[in-house]
Amino acid sequence: MTVKDPELMAIFEKRVLLKKVCRKCGALNPMDAIKCRRCRSRNLRPKKVK
């Protein structure tokens, strides 16, 4: 699916792509997270974007 509209693309990036993934439990967290919401681990990485 390709999104042409820049406003829709910004919403798409924020809701789907701009996340952090916990390396311990795999939970998705917001980009500004410091600790995991599920297991409280500090071992987070940015979500891989293709």
PDB file of N, CA and C in Angstrom:
ATOM      1  N   MET A   1       0.842  -1.176   0.000  1.00  0.00           N
ATOM      2  CA  MET A   1       0.000   0.000   0.000  1.00  0.00           C
ATOM      3  C   MET A   1       0.884   1.235   0.000  1.00  0.00           C
ATOM      4  N   THR A   2       0.663   2.097  -0.949  1.00  0.00           N
ATOM      5  CA  THR A   2       1.413   3.345  -0.992  1.00  0.00           C
ATOM      6  C   THR A   2       0.492   4.494  -0.617  1.00  0.00           C
ATOM      7  N   VAL A   3       1.016   5.405   0.159  1.00  0.00           N
ATOM      8  CA  VAL A   3       0.241   6.559   0.612  1.00  0.00           C
ATOM      9  C   VAL A   3       0.837   7.787  -0.047  1.00  0.00           C
ATOM     10  N   LYS A   4       0.027   8.499  -0.802  1.00  0.00           N
ATOM     11  CA  LYS A   4       0.494   9.685  -1.534  1.00  0.00           C
ATOM     12  C   LYS A   4       0.357  10.965  -0.722  1.00  0.00           C
ATOM     13  N   ASP A   5      -0.684  11.047   0.078  1.00  0.00           N
ATOM     14  CA  ASP A   5      -0.976  12.259   0.838  1.00  0.00           C
ATOM     15  C   ASP A   5       0.027  12.422   1.986  1.00  0.00           C
ATOM     16  N   PRO A   6       0.745  13.550   2.069  1.00  0.00           N
ATOM     17  CA  PRO A   6       1.746  13.730   3.134  1.00  0.00           C
ATOM     18  C   PRO A   6       1.148  13.724   4.541  1.00  0.00           C
ATOM     19  N   GLU A   7      -0.075  14.228   4.701  1.00  0.00           N
ATOM     20  CA  GLU A   7      -0.704  14.221   6.020  1.00  0.00           C
ATOM     21  C   GLU A   7      -1.013  12.798   6.467  1.00  0.00           C
ATOM     22  N   LEU A   8      -1.529  11.987   5.554  1.00  0.00           N
ATOM     23  CA  LEU A   8      -1.807  10.592   5.886  1.00  0.00           C
ATOM     24  C   LEU A   8      -0.521   9.819   6.148  1.00  0.00           C
ATOM     25  N   MET A   9       0.531  10.140   5.420  1.00  0.00           N
ATOM     26  CA  MET A   9       1.813   9.473   5.625  1.00  0.00           C
ATOM     27  C   MET A   9       2.377   9.805   7.007  1.00  0.00           C
ATOM     28  N   ALA A  10       2.218  11.042   7.450  1.00  0.00           N
ATOM     29  CA  ALA A  10       2.688  11.431   8.782  1.00  0.00           C
ATOM     30  C   ALA A  10       1.933  10.667   9.865  1.00  0.00           C
ATOM     31  N   ILE A  11       0.626  10.533   9.693  1.00  0.00           N
ATOM     32  CA  ILE A  11      -0.178   9.777  10.656  1.00  0.00           C
ATOM     33  C   ILE A  11       0.241   8.310  10.645  1.00  0.00           C
ATOM     34  N   PHE A  12       0.440   7.762   9.456  1.00  0.00           N
ATOM     35  CA  PHE A  12       0.855   6.363   9.308  1.00  0.00           C
ATOM     36  C   PHE A  12       2.198   6.110   9.989  1.00  0.00           C
ATOM     37  N   GLU A  13       3.162   7.000   9.772  1.00  0.00           N
ATOM     38  CA  GLU A  13       4.482   6.841  10.392  1.00  0.00           C
ATOM     39  C   GLU A  13       4.372   6.874  11.911  1.00  0.00           C
ATOM     40  N   LYS A  14       3.608   7.813  12.421  1.00  0.00           N
ATOM     41  CA  LYS A  14       3.502   7.943  13.879  1.00  0.00           C
ATOM     42  C   LYS A  14       2.822   6.735  14.503  1.00  0.00           C
ATOM     43  N   ARG A  15       1.755   6.232  13.882  1.00  0.00           N
ATOM     44  CA  ARG A  15       0.977   5.141  14.474  1.00  0.00           C
ATOM     45  C   ARG A  15       1.582   3.770  14.248  1.00  0.00           C
ATOM     46  N   VAL A  16       2.339   3.584  13.149  1.00  0.00           N
ATOM     47  CA  VAL A  16       2.802   2.241  12.799  1.00  0.00           C
ATOM     48  C   VAL A  16       4.330   2.107  12.864  1.00  0.00           C
ATOM     49  N   LEU A  17       5.055   3.074  12.343  1.00  0.00           N
ATOM     50  CA  LEU A  17       6.498   2.913  12.183  1.00  0.00           C
ATOM     51  C   LEU A  17       7.321   3.446  13.347  1.00  0.00           C
ATOM     52  N   LEU A  18       6.909   4.535  13.942  1.00  0.00           N
ATOM     53  CA  LEU A  18       7.720   5.162  14.981  1.00  0.00           C
ATOM     54  C   LEU A  18       7.425   4.533  16.335  1.00  0.00           C
ATOM     55  N   LYS A  19       7.997   3.367  16.563  1.00  0.00           N
ATOM     56  CA  LYS A  19       7.799   2.615  17.797  1.00  0.00           C
ATOM     57  C   LYS A  19       9.148   2.100  18.285  1.00  0.00           C
ATOM     58  N   LYS A  20       9.197   1.710  19.529  1.00  0.00           N
ATOM     59  CA  LYS A  20      10.341   0.998  20.080  1.00  0.00           C
ATOM     60  C   LYS A  20       9.889  -0.399  20.453  1.00  0.00           C
ATOM     61  N   VAL A  21      10.770  -1.377  20.278  1.00  0.00           N
ATOM     62  CA  VAL A  21      10.462  -2.766  20.574  1.00  0.00           C
ATOM     63  C   VAL A  21      11.347  -3.215  21.725  1.00  0.00           C
ATOM     64  N   CYS A  22      10.742  -3.876  22.698  1.00  0.00           N
ATOM     65  CA  CYS A  22      11.485  -4.403  23.839  1.00  0.00           C
ATOM     66  C   CYS A  22      12.252  -5.642  23.387  1.00  0.00           C
ATOM     67  N   ARG A  23      13.519  -5.693  23.701  1.00  0.00           N
ATOM     68  CA  ARG A  23      14.323  -6.854  23.340  1.00  0.00           C
ATOM     69  C   ARG A  23      14.063  -8.051  24.244  1.00  0.00           C
ATOM     70  N   LYS A  24      13.447  -7.825  25.387  1.00  0.00           N
ATOM     71  CA  LYS A  24      13.195  -8.903  26.336  1.00  0.00           C
ATOM     72  C   LYS A  24      11.852  -9.596  26.070  1.00  0.00           C
ATOM     73  N   CYS A  25      10.783  -8.811  25.898  1.00  0.00           N
ATOM     74  CA  CYS A  25       9.453  -9.420  25.745  1.00  0.00           C
ATOM     75  C   CYS A  25       8.803  -9.162  24.389  1.00  0.00           C
ATOM     76  N   GLY A  26       9.351  -8.236  23.587  1.00  0.00           N
ATOM     77  CA  GLY A  26       8.814  -7.980  22.249  1.00  0.00           C
ATOM     78  C   GLY A  26       7.655  -7.010  22.197  1.00  0.00           C
ATOM     79  N   ALA A  27       7.329  -6.345  23.296  1.00  0.00           N
ATOM     80  CA  ALA A  27       6.213  -5.403  23.320  1.00  0.00           C
ATOM     81  C   ALA A  27       6.558  -4.135  22.556  1.00  0.00           C
ATOM     82  N   LEU A  28       5.544  -3.538  21.912  1.00  0.00           N
ATOM     83  CA  LEU A  28       5.714  -2.261  21.230  1.00  0.00           C
ATOM     84  C   LEU A  28       5.479  -1.129  22.219  1.00  0.00           C
ATOM     85  N   ASN A  29       6.335  -0.135  22.166  1.00  0.00           N
ATOM     86  CA  ASN A  29       6.276   1.011  23.062  1.00  0.00           C
ATOM     87  C   ASN A  29       6.351   2.285  22.239  1.00  0.00           C
ATOM     88  N   PRO A  30       5.911   3.426  22.785  1.00  0.00           N
ATOM     89  CA  PRO A  30       6.066   4.680  22.070  1.00  0.00           C
ATOM     90  C   PRO A  30       7.540   5.044  21.903  1.00  0.00           C
ATOM     91  N   MET A  31       7.822   5.895  20.928  1.00  0.00           N
ATOM     92  CA  MET A  31       9.204   6.242  20.601  1.00  0.00           C
ATOM     93  C   MET A  31       9.906   6.948  21.763  1.00  0.00           C
ATOM     94  N   ASP A  32       9.185   7.668  22.604  1.00  0.00           N
ATOM     95  CA  ASP A  32       9.821   8.387  23.710  1.00  0.00           C
ATOM     96  C   ASP A  32       9.919   7.548  24.989  1.00  0.00           C
ATOM     97  N   ALA A  33       9.593   6.266  24.907  1.00  0.00           N
ATOM     98  CA  ALA A  33       9.643   5.395  26.082  1.00  0.00           C
ATOM     99  C   ALA A  33      11.077   5.153  26.535  1.00  0.00           C
ATOM    100  N   ILE A  34      11.257   5.041  27.832  1.00  0.00           N
ATOM    101  CA  ILE A  34      12.556   4.723  28.414  1.00  0.00           C
ATOM    102  C   ILE A  34      12.556   3.301  28.945  1.00  0.00           C
ATOM    103  N   LYS A  35      11.393   2.903  29.497  1.00  0.00           N
ATOM    104  CA  LYS A  35      11.229   1.538  29.991  1.00  0.00           C
ATOM    105  C   LYS A  35      10.074   0.878  29.250  1.00  0.00           C
ATOM    106  N   CYS A  36      10.111  -0.440  29.185  1.00  0.00           N
ATOM    107  CA  CYS A  36       9.041  -1.209  28.555  1.00  0.00           C
ATOM    108  C   CYS A  36       7.771  -1.108  29.387  1.00  0.00           C
ATOM    109  N   ARG A  37       6.635  -0.993  28.715  1.00  0.00           N
ATOM    110  CA  ARG A  37       5.353  -0.882  29.414  1.00  0.00           C
ATOM    111  C   ARG A  37       4.927  -2.204  30.023  1.00  0.00           C
ATOM    112  N   ARG A  38       5.421  -3.322  29.489  1.00  0.00           N
ATOM    113  CA  ARG A  38       4.986  -4.630  29.959  1.00  0.00           C
ATOM    114  C   ARG A  38       5.914  -5.214  31.020  1.00  0.00           C
ATOM    115  N   CYS A  39       7.222  -5.272  30.734  1.00  0.00           N
ATOM    116  CA  CYS A  39       8.149  -5.955  31.656  1.00  0.00           C
ATOM    117  C   CYS A  39       9.073  -4.999  32.396  1.00  0.00           C
ATOM    118  N   ARG A  40       8.991  -3.704  32.108  1.00  0.00           N
ATOM    119  CA  ARG A  40       9.797  -2.654  32.766  1.00  0.00           C
ATOM    120  C   ARG A  40      11.295  -2.751  32.459  1.00  0.00           C
ATOM    121  N   SER A  41      11.665  -3.466  31.417  1.00  0.00           N
ATOM    122  CA  SER A  41      13.060  -3.554  31.008  1.00  0.00           C
ATOM    123  C   SER A  41      13.469  -2.250  30.330  1.00  0.00           C
ATOM    124  N   ARG A  42      14.729  -1.893  30.430  1.00  0.00           N
ATOM    125  CA  ARG A  42      15.240  -0.694  29.758  1.00  0.00           C
ATOM    126  C   ARG A  42      15.923  -1.036  28.434  1.00  0.00           C
ATOM    127  N   ASN A  43      15.855  -2.279  28.026  1.00  0.00           N
ATOM    128  CA  ASN A  43      16.519  -2.744  26.813  1.00  0.00           C
ATOM    129  C   ASN A  43      15.571  -2.607  25.625  1.00  0.00           C
ATOM    130  N   LEU A  44      15.489  -1.384  25.047  1.00  0.00           N
ATOM    131  CA  LEU A  44      14.597  -1.079  23.931  1.00  0.00           C
ATOM    132  C   LEU A  44      15.407  -0.747  22.687  1.00  0.00           C
ATOM    133  N   ARG A  45      14.824  -1.039  21.538  1.00  0.00           N
ATOM    134  CA  ARG A  45      15.428  -0.690  20.247  1.00  0.00           C
ATOM    135  C   ARG A  45      14.360  -0.091  19.356  1.00  0.00           C
ATOM    136  N   PRO A  46      14.739   0.747  18.381  1.00  0.00           N
ATOM    137  CA  PRO A  46      13.746   1.271  17.441  1.00  0.00           C
ATOM    138  C   PRO A  46      13.223   0.163  16.532  1.00  0.00           C
ATOM    139  N   LYS A  47      11.991   0.286  16.108  1.00  0.00           N
ATOM    140  CA  LYS A  47      11.403  -0.704  15.210  1.00  0.00           C
ATOM    141  C   LYS A  47      12.111  -0.618  13.863  1.00  0.00           C
ATOM    142  N   LYS A  48      12.392  -1.773  13.270  1.00  0.00           N
ATOM    143  CA  LYS A  48      13.051  -1.806  11.970  1.00  0.00           C
ATOM    144  C   LYS A  48      12.075  -1.386  10.885  1.00  0.00           C
ATOM    145  N   VAL A  49      12.521  -0.495   9.993  1.00  0.00           N
ATOM    146  CA  VAL A  49      11.699   0.014   8.905  1.00  0.00           C
ATOM    147  C   VAL A  49      12.294  -0.459   7.590  1.00  0.00           C
ATOM    148  N   LYS A  50      11.460  -1.073   6.785  1.00  0.00           N
ATOM    149  CA  LYS A  50      11.926  -1.567   5.484  1.00  0.00           C
ATOM    150  C   LYS A  50      11.951  -0.485   4.449  1.00  0.00           C
TER     151      LYS A  50
END
